[in-house]
């Protein structure tokens, strides 16, 4: 046992009253947490501050005004006196430095609103702007007309009165729903009626300058009144109204009617009433001979008036037209060809190359300015000299305009033209758009559609109602002669005919005493 190593001696620790090898180490923490609250205060009789803390009442700080402009409330007076004092009212107004109005604890909203309601009727700037934007715009006259058409469709009312509505335009979209019009059948037991409608459209006393093509696609239209508008030309598609019974075109600015209106006087037509005057129609100017002038002066002196104005004159084309021979007219109408003007030849842009100039379409012009000389029997129908020869083929410009007319973007094509382009193209595109809206035009010779006419001339036709002659009236009565003179003058209706090429010209006519067989040869 002597070789065993001695054990280390342990030191005596009086604190723990035990033997330990090493002295105890002091425990050190890395960091201590911050103090989260104030040290507690304990009441004590020795500390006077504790008495004040426990016995003195605490006051809550008060602020007045909105959140962005708060100010401390006045501390004058006691708490009880502040509660009984009358609060000063703040003027209710918008603060321009903020878009949001917010009250505060010291703002009496009810009192402010009462003051606002009792004050003058003035809206804030922001509120008035919102009110104006929320108001719905007043409907246009065409929108009101569209609403009335919709009500007629729902109720089955066949009479559509759009007179004196201030209409300046009338689109195809407004008239198109009338194509589906259905008549409401009467409720009668044991009685069956046809449901074919008889539409009556009244557009009198408006400011229309053009008419939509859909108006002339209404097969069941029986009455059409266009009196008192600003029409300068009637669309050729008016001839498609085969069931029309009454047509009123008076009090407009019409200088002529389309040649296609003769379709309304065919044997299958139903037209019974026609009103054309007053209008600014072109009047024919016949070449008067010396004997006719003397006869007119004698009749004027005896009070009979000019009775020879309607008589046929040799040398003028007052004869039978081949077109008149091919047609069959209604028995209640007298339709007779009287005369025509010389043919006007136009270039591919629609400018006059050869032929007479028509009087300007001026409202209120004298009757003498409306007269146009009629063509003589020796009138030459030869077109102007052309290096390209005569052909019925359309020009390249006509083909381009026809292609543009097929697109729905036709009203906006003029905006895509270059600024240095020909100025006439804009006018031609406008004419193409107007003709498309009105139903288009066809050649009166070959029935081919066109946009720019190449030939045109005016024909005067006598359109008069066949009336029974009153046997009791004296034929020599001056009053009767004046009535006949007025009726004859108003029965001479000018009709405009247009062709698509220089080869589309009128046919040769003959005098009534000539042999019609020789004319056909």
Protein backbone atom coordinates (compact mmCIF):
# COMPACT_ATOMS: atom_id res chain seq x y z
CA UNK A 1 0.00 0.00 0.00
CA UNK A 2 3.01 2.24 0.27
CA UNK A 3 3.13 2.61 -3.49
CA UNK A 4 -0.36 4.10 -3.72
CA UNK A 5 -0.52 7.74 -4.58
CA UNK A 6 -1.99 10.08 -1.99
CA UNK A 7 -5.38 11.65 -2.63
CA UNK A 8 -5.61 15.43 -2.93
CA UNK A 9 -6.75 17.22 0.07
CA UNK A 10 -10.14 18.89 -0.11
CA UNK A 11 -10.59 22.37 1.15
CA UNK A 12 -13.20 23.11 3.71
CA UNK A 13 -15.87 25.57 2.58
CA UNK A 14 -17.36 27.31 5.54
CA UNK A 15 -20.26 28.75 3.49
CA UNK A 16 -21.55 25.41 2.38
CA UNK A 17 -20.06 23.63 5.32
CA UNK A 18 -18.67 20.98 3.05
CA UNK A 19 -15.45 19.96 1.40
CA UNK A 20 -15.02 21.11 -2.14
CA UNK A 21 -12.25 20.73 -4.64
CA UNK A 22 -12.61 24.17 -6.25
CA UNK A 23 -14.21 27.31 -4.93
CA UNK A 24 -17.70 28.03 -6.26
CA UNK A 25 -17.83 30.10 -9.35
CA UNK A 26 -19.89 33.24 -9.53
CA UNK A 27 -22.78 32.99 -11.97
CA UNK A 28 -22.72 35.83 -14.50
CA UNK A 29 -25.61 36.54 -16.85
CA UNK A 30 -24.87 38.03 -20.29
CA UNK A 31 -27.46 40.83 -20.11
CA UNK A 32 -30.42 41.73 -18.05
CA UNK A 33 -33.77 42.73 -19.61
CA UNK A 34 -34.78 46.43 -19.66
CA UNK A 35 -37.15 47.71 -17.11
CA UNK A 36 -40.62 47.59 -18.68
CA UNK A 37 -42.50 49.81 -16.29
CA UNK A 38 -42.00 52.44 -13.67
CA UNK A 39 -41.07 51.27 -10.24
CA UNK A 40 -44.06 50.71 -8.05
CA UNK A 41 -45.16 53.39 -5.61
CA UNK A 42 -46.32 52.38 -2.21
CA UNK A 43 -48.33 54.58 0.02
CA UNK A 44 -46.80 55.49 3.29
CA UNK A 45 -47.63 57.90 5.98
CA UNK A 46 -44.13 59.28 5.89
CA UNK A 47 -44.11 60.11 2.16
CA UNK A 48 -46.16 63.24 1.34
CA UNK A 49 -46.17 62.45 -2.37
CA UNK A 50 -48.04 59.28 -1.64
CA UNK A 51 -50.80 61.29 -0.01
CA UNK A 52 -51.07 63.53 -3.06
CA UNK A 53 -51.18 60.51 -5.35
CA UNK A 54 -53.96 58.90 -3.48
CA UNK A 55 -56.16 61.91 -2.67
CA UNK A 56 -55.73 64.33 -5.67
CA UNK A 57 -57.99 63.66 -8.70
CA UNK A 58 -56.43 63.15 -12.11
CA UNK A 59 -57.65 65.23 -15.12
CA UNK A 60 -57.97 64.01 -18.67
CA UNK A 61 -56.38 66.19 -21.27
CA UNK A 62 -58.92 67.49 -23.82
CA UNK A 63 -58.31 68.62 -27.36
CA UNK A 64 -60.57 70.44 -29.80
CA UNK A 65 -60.66 70.50 -33.61
CA UNK A 66 -60.12 67.87 -36.33
CA UNK A 67 -57.28 65.40 -36.24
CA UNK A 68 -55.06 67.54 -38.48
CA UNK A 69 -55.66 70.79 -36.52
CA UNK A 70 -56.03 69.84 -32.86
CA UNK A 71 -55.48 72.35 -30.12
CA UNK A 72 -55.64 71.95 -26.29
CA UNK A 73 -58.91 72.85 -24.70
CA UNK A 74 -58.99 75.87 -22.40
CA UNK A 75 -58.31 75.08 -18.76
CA UNK A 76 -60.02 78.20 -17.50
CA UNK A 77 -62.69 77.63 -14.95
CA UNK A 78 -63.60 74.47 -13.17
CA UNK A 79 -64.85 71.26 -14.73
CA UNK A 80 -68.41 71.90 -13.79
CA UNK A 81 -68.45 75.38 -15.28
CA UNK A 82 -67.00 74.06 -18.57
CA UNK A 83 -69.78 71.54 -18.90
CA UNK A 84 -72.48 74.22 -18.58
CA UNK A 85 -70.85 76.73 -20.94
CA UNK A 86 -72.37 77.03 -24.37
CA UNK A 87 -70.17 75.51 -27.00
CA UNK A 88 -69.11 77.70 -29.81
CA UNK A 89 -70.44 76.44 -33.16
CA UNK A 90 -67.90 75.82 -35.86
CA UNK A 91 -68.77 76.91 -39.37
CA UNK A 92 -69.44 73.92 -41.62
CA UNK A 93 -67.09 74.34 -44.59
CA UNK A 94 -64.89 72.18 -46.73
CA UNK A 95 -61.18 72.17 -45.91
CA UNK A 96 -59.33 72.33 -49.23
CA UNK A 97 -56.16 70.76 -47.83
CA UNK A 98 -57.83 67.40 -47.38
CA UNK A 99 -60.27 65.37 -49.44
CA UNK A 100 -61.81 63.68 -46.39
CA UNK A 101 -63.95 65.41 -43.79
CA UNK A 102 -63.63 63.93 -40.31
CA UNK A 103 -65.17 65.27 -37.16
CA UNK A 104 -63.59 65.25 -33.74
CA UNK A 105 -64.68 64.69 -30.24
CA UNK A 106 -65.35 68.37 -29.81
CA UNK A 107 -67.47 68.79 -32.97
CA UNK A 108 -71.23 68.62 -32.76
CA UNK A 109 -72.23 67.15 -36.12
CA UNK A 110 -75.96 67.48 -35.57
CA UNK A 111 -75.72 71.19 -34.85
CA UNK A 112 -73.43 71.73 -37.86
CA UNK A 113 -75.83 69.95 -40.20
CA UNK A 114 -78.75 72.01 -38.90
CA UNK A 115 -76.79 75.15 -39.63
CA UNK A 116 -75.97 73.87 -43.12
CA UNK A 117 -79.60 73.06 -43.93
CA UNK A 118 -80.87 76.41 -42.68
CA UNK A 119 -78.23 78.36 -44.63
CA UNK A 120 -78.31 79.42 -48.30
CA UNK A 121 -78.77 76.71 -50.92
CA UNK A 122 -75.18 76.37 -52.12
CA UNK A 123 -73.46 73.06 -52.76
CA UNK A 124 -69.73 72.49 -52.26
CA UNK A 125 -67.58 72.33 -55.35
CA UNK A 126 -66.99 68.58 -55.20
CA UNK A 127 -70.61 67.75 -54.47
CA UNK A 128 -71.91 69.95 -57.31
CA UNK A 129 -69.49 68.31 -59.77
CA UNK A 130 -70.67 64.85 -58.82
CA UNK A 131 -74.29 65.96 -59.10
CA UNK A 132 -73.74 67.30 -62.63
CA UNK A 133 -72.04 64.10 -63.73
CA UNK A 134 -74.80 61.96 -62.29
CA UNK A 135 -77.51 63.82 -64.15
CA UNK A 136 -78.52 62.03 -67.34
CA UNK A 137 -78.22 63.96 -70.59
CA UNK A 138 -81.46 64.97 -72.29
CA UNK A 139 -82.49 62.58 -75.11
CA UNK A 140 -82.09 63.72 -78.70
CA UNK A 141 -85.13 64.09 -81.02
CA UNK A 142 -84.16 60.90 -82.86
CA UNK A 143 -83.96 58.97 -79.58
CA UNK A 144 -87.45 60.17 -78.70
CA UNK A 145 -88.66 59.10 -82.15
CA UNK A 146 -87.04 55.69 -81.64
CA UNK A 147 -88.86 55.31 -78.33
CA UNK A 148 -92.19 56.16 -79.92
CA UNK A 149 -91.61 53.63 -82.71
CA UNK A 150 -90.85 51.00 -80.07
CA UNK A 151 -94.11 51.78 -78.28
CA UNK A 152 -96.04 51.49 -81.54
CA UNK A 153 -94.46 48.10 -82.13
CA UNK A 154 -95.43 46.89 -78.67
CA UNK A 155 -98.98 48.21 -78.84
CA UNK A 156 -99.58 47.38 -82.51
CA UNK A 157 -100.41 51.00 -83.44
CA UNK A 158 -100.22 51.39 -87.23
CA UNK A 159 -100.14 55.21 -87.19
CA UNK A 160 -96.69 56.60 -86.33
CA UNK A 161 -96.87 60.37 -85.93
CA UNK A 162 -93.41 61.98 -85.77
CA UNK A 163 -94.51 65.43 -86.92
CA UNK A 164 -93.04 68.60 -85.39
CA UNK A 165 -90.35 66.73 -83.44
CA UNK A 166 -87.37 68.83 -84.55
CA UNK A 167 -85.82 65.92 -86.45
CA UNK A 168 -82.76 66.88 -88.48
CA UNK A 169 -81.60 63.33 -89.23
CA UNK A 170 -83.30 59.96 -89.37
CA UNK A 171 -81.06 56.89 -89.52
CA UNK A 172 -81.76 53.47 -90.94
CA UNK A 173 -81.42 51.93 -87.47
CA UNK A 174 -84.45 53.93 -86.31
CA UNK A 175 -86.73 52.81 -89.16
CA UNK A 176 -85.47 49.23 -89.52
CA UNK A 177 -87.58 47.76 -86.63
CA UNK A 178 -90.77 48.70 -88.51
CA UNK A 179 -90.03 45.92 -91.01
CA UNK A 180 -91.12 43.41 -88.34
CA UNK A 181 -94.36 45.25 -87.51
CA UNK A 182 -97.24 42.91 -86.65
CA UNK A 183 -100.83 43.99 -86.44
CA UNK A 184 -102.74 43.20 -83.25
CA UNK A 185 -105.85 41.17 -84.25
CA UNK A 186 -109.22 42.45 -83.02
CA UNK A 187 -110.92 40.35 -80.39
CA UNK A 188 -114.15 39.41 -82.16
CA UNK A 189 -115.77 36.05 -81.76
CA UNK A 190 -116.23 34.16 -85.00
CA UNK A 191 -114.53 36.83 -87.15
CA UNK A 192 -111.17 36.25 -88.83
CA UNK A 193 -109.19 39.19 -90.21
CA UNK A 194 -105.90 39.44 -92.04
CA UNK A 195 -102.94 40.55 -89.99
CA UNK A 196 -101.25 42.52 -92.77
CA UNK A 197 -100.40 45.96 -91.30
CA UNK A 198 -101.12 49.25 -93.02
CA UNK A 199 -98.43 51.56 -91.77
CA UNK A 200 -98.89 55.32 -91.74
CA UNK A 201 -95.80 57.45 -91.12
CA UNK A 202 -96.09 61.21 -90.63
CA UNK A 203 -92.81 63.19 -90.72
CA UNK A 204 -94.28 66.61 -91.41
CA UNK A 205 -92.88 69.92 -90.08
CA UNK A 206 -89.35 68.73 -89.33
CA UNK A 207 -85.92 69.71 -90.68
CA UNK A 208 -84.99 66.59 -92.62
CA UNK A 209 -82.61 67.01 -95.54
CA UNK A 210 -82.13 63.31 -96.36
CA UNK A 211 -84.23 60.19 -95.96
CA UNK A 212 -83.08 56.69 -94.91
CA UNK A 213 -83.28 53.86 -97.40
CA UNK A 214 -85.05 51.60 -94.89
CA UNK A 215 -88.08 53.87 -95.14
CA UNK A 216 -88.66 52.72 -98.73
CA UNK A 217 -88.21 49.05 -97.86
CA UNK A 218 -91.47 48.99 -95.89
CA UNK A 219 -93.77 46.96 -98.14
CA UNK A 220 -96.85 47.69 -96.06
CA UNK A 221 -96.46 51.46 -95.99
CA UNK A 222 -99.71 53.07 -97.16
CA UNK A 223 -99.37 56.73 -96.07
CA UNK A 224 -96.18 58.81 -96.13
CA UNK A 225 -96.21 62.51 -95.27
CA UNK A 226 -93.00 64.52 -95.77
CA UNK A 227 -94.62 67.95 -95.85
CA UNK A 228 -92.74 70.95 -94.51
CA UNK A 229 -89.15 69.63 -94.47
CA UNK A 230 -85.93 70.75 -96.17
CA UNK A 231 -85.59 68.01 -98.78
CA UNK A 232 -83.63 68.91 -101.91
CA UNK A 233 -83.83 65.52 -103.62
CA UNK A 234 -85.98 62.42 -103.22
CA UNK A 235 -84.24 59.00 -103.30
CA UNK A 236 -84.95 56.85 -106.38
CA UNK A 237 -86.00 53.97 -104.11
CA UNK A 238 -89.36 55.70 -103.58
CA UNK A 239 -90.60 53.69 -106.55
CA UNK A 240 -90.52 50.50 -104.45
CA UNK A 241 -93.52 51.57 -102.33
CA UNK A 242 -96.06 49.57 -104.34
CA UNK A 243 -98.76 49.66 -101.63
CA UNK A 244 -98.55 53.42 -101.07
CA UNK A 245 -101.95 55.13 -101.20
CA UNK A 246 -101.08 58.68 -100.16
CA UNK A 247 -97.87 60.66 -100.69
CA UNK A 248 -97.33 64.26 -99.56
CA UNK A 249 -94.16 66.06 -100.70
CA UNK A 250 -95.36 69.67 -100.49
CA UNK A 251 -93.49 72.59 -98.89
CA UNK A 252 -89.99 71.33 -99.57
CA UNK A 253 -87.11 72.55 -101.75
CA UNK A 254 -87.47 69.93 -104.49
CA UNK A 255 -86.38 70.98 -107.98
CA UNK A 256 -87.22 67.61 -109.57
CA UNK A 257 -88.37 64.12 -108.67
CA UNK A 258 -86.62 60.84 -109.48
CA UNK A 259 -87.65 59.09 -112.66
CA UNK A 260 -88.43 55.96 -110.63
CA UNK A 261 -91.51 57.63 -109.11
CA UNK A 262 -93.42 56.65 -112.26
CA UNK A 263 -93.62 53.14 -110.77
CA UNK A 264 -96.24 54.47 -108.35
CA UNK A 265 -98.62 55.11 -111.28
CA UNK A 266 -98.42 51.68 -112.88
CA UNK A 267 -101.47 49.49 -113.37
CA UNK A 268 -100.68 47.51 -110.18
CA UNK A 269 -100.15 50.57 -107.98
CA UNK A 270 -102.62 51.79 -105.36
CA UNK A 271 -101.70 55.47 -105.19
CA UNK A 272 -104.83 57.56 -104.80
CA UNK A 273 -103.60 60.92 -103.46
CA UNK A 274 -100.48 62.90 -104.46
CA UNK A 275 -99.46 66.33 -103.14
CA UNK A 276 -96.45 67.92 -104.86
CA UNK A 277 -96.97 71.68 -104.58
CA UNK A 278 -95.66 74.10 -103.49
CA UNK A 279 -92.07 73.26 -104.47
CA UNK A 280 -89.30 74.83 -106.54
CA UNK A 281 -89.75 72.58 -109.57
CA UNK A 282 -87.95 73.36 -112.82
CA UNK A 283 -90.34 74.61 -115.50
CA UNK A 284 -89.99 73.91 -119.24
CA UNK A 285 -89.31 76.83 -121.54
CA UNK A 286 -90.77 76.16 -124.98
CA UNK A 287 -89.65 78.13 -128.05
CA UNK A 288 -92.54 80.47 -128.89
CA UNK A 289 -93.36 81.54 -132.44
CA UNK A 290 -94.50 84.98 -133.54
CA UNK A 291 -98.11 83.90 -134.03
CA UNK A 292 -98.28 82.34 -130.57
CA UNK A 293 -96.99 85.51 -128.95
CA UNK A 294 -99.73 87.60 -130.60
CA UNK A 295 -102.39 85.09 -129.56
CA UNK A 296 -101.20 85.20 -125.96
CA UNK A 297 -101.37 89.02 -125.92
CA UNK A 298 -104.98 88.98 -127.23
CA UNK A 299 -106.07 86.39 -124.66
CA UNK A 300 -104.44 88.35 -121.87
CA UNK A 301 -106.42 91.49 -122.84
CA UNK A 302 -109.79 89.67 -122.78
CA UNK A 303 -108.99 88.09 -119.43
CA UNK A 304 -108.61 84.46 -120.46
CA UNK A 305 -104.97 84.20 -119.54
CA UNK A 306 -102.35 82.22 -121.41
CA UNK A 307 -104.24 79.25 -122.82
CA UNK A 308 -101.56 78.17 -125.27
CA UNK A 309 -98.89 77.40 -122.64
CA UNK A 310 -99.90 73.75 -122.51
CA UNK A 311 -100.31 73.33 -126.28
CA UNK A 312 -97.83 71.20 -128.19
CA UNK A 313 -95.23 73.15 -130.12
CA UNK A 314 -93.54 72.08 -133.32
CA UNK A 315 -89.79 71.97 -132.99
CA UNK A 316 -89.81 70.98 -129.34
CA UNK A 317 -89.80 67.39 -128.17
CA UNK A 318 -93.44 67.27 -127.07
CA UNK A 319 -94.16 63.84 -128.38
CA UNK A 320 -94.61 60.18 -127.53
CA UNK A 321 -91.72 58.49 -125.76
CA UNK A 322 -90.93 54.82 -126.42
CA UNK A 323 -90.90 54.30 -122.69
CA UNK A 324 -94.46 55.61 -122.53
CA UNK A 325 -95.59 53.04 -125.08
CA UNK A 326 -94.05 50.15 -123.13
CA UNK A 327 -95.73 51.05 -119.84
CA UNK A 328 -99.28 50.38 -118.68
CA UNK A 329 -100.63 53.14 -116.47
CA UNK A 330 -103.36 53.15 -113.87
CA UNK A 331 -106.79 54.17 -115.13
CA UNK A 332 -107.26 56.95 -112.56
CA UNK A 333 -104.04 58.73 -113.58
CA UNK A 334 -103.12 60.51 -116.80
CA UNK A 335 -99.40 60.08 -117.45
CA UNK A 336 -98.06 61.71 -120.62
CA UNK A 337 -94.54 62.55 -121.74
CA UNK A 338 -94.17 66.22 -122.69
CA UNK A 339 -90.56 67.32 -123.20
CA UNK A 340 -86.98 66.91 -122.07
CA UNK A 341 -83.78 68.92 -121.81
CA UNK A 342 -80.54 68.32 -123.62
CA UNK A 343 -78.37 65.54 -122.25
CA UNK A 344 -75.64 66.52 -119.82
CA UNK A 345 -72.41 64.51 -120.18
CA UNK A 346 -70.24 64.24 -117.05
CA UNK A 347 -66.68 63.00 -116.52
CA UNK A 348 -65.59 60.31 -114.06
CA UNK A 349 -65.56 62.87 -111.20
CA UNK A 350 -69.11 64.07 -111.94
CA UNK A 351 -68.10 67.41 -113.52
CA UNK A 352 -70.00 68.77 -116.52
CA UNK A 353 -68.26 68.24 -119.89
CA UNK A 354 -71.05 68.91 -122.39
CA UNK A 355 -74.63 70.06 -122.06
CA UNK A 356 -76.70 72.79 -120.39
CA UNK A 357 -76.17 74.03 -116.86
CA UNK A 358 -79.01 73.63 -114.39
CA UNK A 359 -80.18 76.63 -112.33
CA UNK A 360 -78.79 76.86 -108.82
CA UNK A 361 -80.92 75.29 -106.11
CA UNK A 362 -81.71 78.55 -104.33
CA UNK A 363 -84.73 78.75 -102.08
CA UNK A 364 -87.07 81.60 -102.78
CA UNK A 365 -85.85 82.20 -106.35
CA UNK A 366 -88.21 83.58 -108.96
CA UNK A 367 -90.13 81.35 -111.32
CA UNK A 368 -88.25 82.70 -114.34
CA UNK A 369 -84.99 81.43 -112.87
CA UNK A 370 -86.41 77.91 -112.68
CA UNK A 371 -87.13 77.62 -116.39
CA UNK A 372 -84.94 75.39 -118.56
CA UNK A 373 -85.08 75.34 -122.38
CA UNK A 374 -86.36 72.11 -123.82
CA UNK A 375 -84.42 70.18 -126.42
CA UNK A 376 -85.16 70.54 -130.12
CA UNK A 377 -85.93 67.71 -132.50
CA UNK A 378 -82.49 68.19 -134.03
CA UNK A 379 -80.79 67.69 -130.66
CA UNK A 380 -77.65 65.62 -131.06
CA UNK A 381 -77.11 62.82 -128.58
CA UNK A 382 -73.48 62.37 -129.50
CA UNK A 383 -71.13 62.33 -126.48
CA UNK A 384 -67.96 64.43 -126.32
CA UNK A 385 -64.91 63.25 -128.21
CA UNK A 386 -62.92 60.69 -126.24
CA UNK A 387 -59.61 59.01 -126.98
CA UNK A 388 -60.55 55.88 -125.04
CA UNK A 389 -63.69 55.20 -127.02
CA UNK A 390 -67.21 54.60 -125.72
CA UNK A 391 -67.92 51.74 -123.34
CA UNK A 392 -70.41 50.83 -120.63
CA UNK A 393 -67.65 49.50 -118.42
CA UNK A 394 -67.26 51.51 -115.18
CA UNK A 395 -64.15 53.55 -114.62
CA UNK A 396 -61.46 52.59 -112.12
CA UNK A 397 -62.65 55.34 -109.77
CA UNK A 398 -66.22 54.08 -109.98
CA UNK A 399 -65.09 50.53 -109.21
CA UNK A 400 -63.06 51.75 -106.22
CA UNK A 401 -66.01 53.72 -104.82
CA UNK A 402 -68.29 50.72 -105.29
CA UNK A 403 -65.84 48.58 -103.30
CA UNK A 404 -65.69 51.21 -100.55
CA UNK A 405 -69.48 51.32 -100.40
CA UNK A 406 -69.59 47.64 -99.44
CA UNK A 407 -67.61 48.10 -96.24
CA UNK A 408 -69.13 49.20 -92.95
CA UNK A 409 -66.26 51.67 -92.41
CA UNK A 410 -67.34 53.87 -95.32
CA UNK A 411 -68.13 56.97 -93.16
CA UNK A 412 -64.60 56.87 -91.70
CA UNK A 413 -62.55 56.23 -94.86
CA UNK A 414 -62.08 59.94 -95.54
CA UNK A 415 -60.05 60.26 -92.32
CA UNK A 416 -57.41 57.86 -93.71
CA UNK A 417 -56.76 59.90 -96.84
CA UNK A 418 -53.41 61.77 -96.97
CA UNK A 419 -53.50 65.51 -96.52
CA UNK A 420 -51.85 66.13 -99.90
CA UNK A 421 -54.36 63.88 -101.71
CA UNK A 422 -56.97 65.11 -104.23
CA UNK A 423 -59.63 67.12 -102.39
CA UNK A 424 -62.37 65.72 -104.63
CA UNK A 425 -61.98 62.24 -103.10
CA UNK A 426 -63.49 63.36 -99.81
CA UNK A 427 -66.55 64.69 -101.58
CA UNK A 428 -66.92 61.49 -103.61
CA UNK A 429 -66.71 59.36 -100.47
CA UNK A 430 -69.35 61.55 -98.85
CA UNK A 431 -71.62 61.10 -101.90
CA UNK A 432 -71.07 57.34 -101.79
CA UNK A 433 -72.02 57.23 -98.10
CA UNK A 434 -75.13 59.35 -98.70
CA UNK A 435 -76.29 57.17 -101.59
CA UNK A 436 -75.72 54.03 -99.54
CA UNK A 437 -77.86 55.39 -96.71
CA UNK A 438 -80.65 56.39 -99.10
CA UNK A 439 -80.79 53.05 -100.91
CA UNK A 440 -78.44 53.54 -103.89
CA UNK A 441 -79.04 54.55 -107.52
CA UNK A 442 -79.52 52.58 -110.72
CA UNK A 443 -79.19 53.57 -114.33
CA UNK A 444 -82.55 54.42 -115.90
CA UNK A 445 -81.41 52.90 -119.20
CA UNK A 446 -79.55 49.67 -118.37
CA UNK A 447 -80.53 49.31 -114.65
CA UNK A 448 -76.89 49.04 -113.50
CA UNK A 449 -75.95 50.38 -110.08
CA UNK A 450 -73.65 53.39 -110.01
CA UNK A 451 -72.33 56.06 -107.67
CA UNK A 452 -71.14 58.79 -110.06
CA UNK A 453 -73.60 59.48 -112.94
CA UNK A 454 -72.10 59.97 -116.40
CA UNK A 455 -75.25 61.29 -118.13
CA UNK A 456 -78.35 63.05 -116.86
CA UNK A 457 -81.32 64.93 -118.27
CA UNK A 458 -84.73 66.15 -117.09
CA UNK A 459 -88.00 64.95 -118.59
CA UNK A 460 -91.32 66.69 -118.01
CA UNK A 461 -94.26 64.37 -117.60
CA UNK A 462 -97.86 65.34 -117.17
CA UNK A 463 -99.12 63.66 -114.00
CA UNK A 464 -102.76 64.46 -113.36
CA UNK A 465 -105.70 62.75 -111.74
CA UNK A 466 -108.49 61.72 -114.08
CA UNK A 467 -111.59 63.60 -112.92
CA UNK A 468 -115.15 63.49 -114.20
CA UNK A 469 -116.07 66.58 -116.23
CA UNK A 470 -118.89 68.63 -114.71
CA UNK A 471 -121.37 69.24 -117.50
CA UNK A 472 -123.05 72.11 -115.64
CA UNK A 473 -119.89 74.26 -115.68
CA UNK A 474 -119.44 76.60 -118.61
CA UNK A 475 -116.36 75.88 -120.72
CA UNK A 476 -116.05 79.60 -121.54
CA UNK A 477 -115.96 80.70 -117.91
CA UNK A 478 -112.82 82.78 -117.17
CA UNK A 479 -112.57 81.23 -113.70
CA UNK A 480 -112.66 77.77 -115.22
CA UNK A 481 -109.91 78.73 -117.67
CA UNK A 482 -107.72 79.99 -114.83
CA UNK A 483 -108.21 76.77 -112.91
CA UNK A 484 -107.33 74.74 -115.98
CA UNK A 485 -104.25 76.87 -116.59
CA UNK A 486 -103.03 76.38 -113.01
CA UNK A 487 -103.73 72.66 -113.10
CA UNK A 488 -101.88 72.25 -116.40
CA UNK A 489 -98.88 74.18 -115.09
CA UNK A 490 -98.70 72.12 -111.89
CA UNK A 491 -99.19 68.86 -113.73
CA UNK A 492 -95.87 69.34 -115.57
CA UNK A 493 -93.62 67.44 -113.17
CA UNK A 494 -89.85 67.37 -113.87
CA UNK A 495 -88.26 63.94 -113.51
CA UNK A 496 -84.49 63.46 -113.35
CA UNK A 497 -83.02 60.56 -115.35
CA UNK A 498 -79.41 59.46 -114.91
CA UNK A 499 -77.18 57.03 -116.76
CA UNK A 500 -74.07 55.11 -115.79
CA UNK A 501 -72.12 55.70 -119.04
CA UNK A 502 -72.02 58.01 -122.05
CA UNK A 503 -73.89 55.36 -124.06
CA UNK A 504 -76.89 55.54 -121.69
CA UNK A 505 -78.84 58.33 -123.41
CA UNK A 506 -82.57 58.78 -124.10
CA UNK A 507 -84.23 57.13 -127.05
CA UNK A 508 -85.57 59.02 -130.03
CA UNK A 509 -89.11 60.34 -129.77
CA UNK A 510 -91.60 61.28 -132.46
CA UNK A 511 -94.51 63.65 -132.83
CA UNK A 512 -98.01 62.28 -132.25
CA UNK A 513 -98.98 62.46 -135.93
CA UNK A 514 -95.95 60.42 -137.04
CA UNK A 515 -96.14 56.74 -137.79
CA UNK A 516 -95.05 54.70 -134.73
CA UNK A 517 -93.93 51.85 -136.97
CA UNK A 518 -91.42 54.11 -138.68
CA UNK A 519 -90.17 55.19 -135.28
CA UNK A 520 -89.47 51.60 -134.26
CA UNK A 521 -87.62 50.97 -137.52
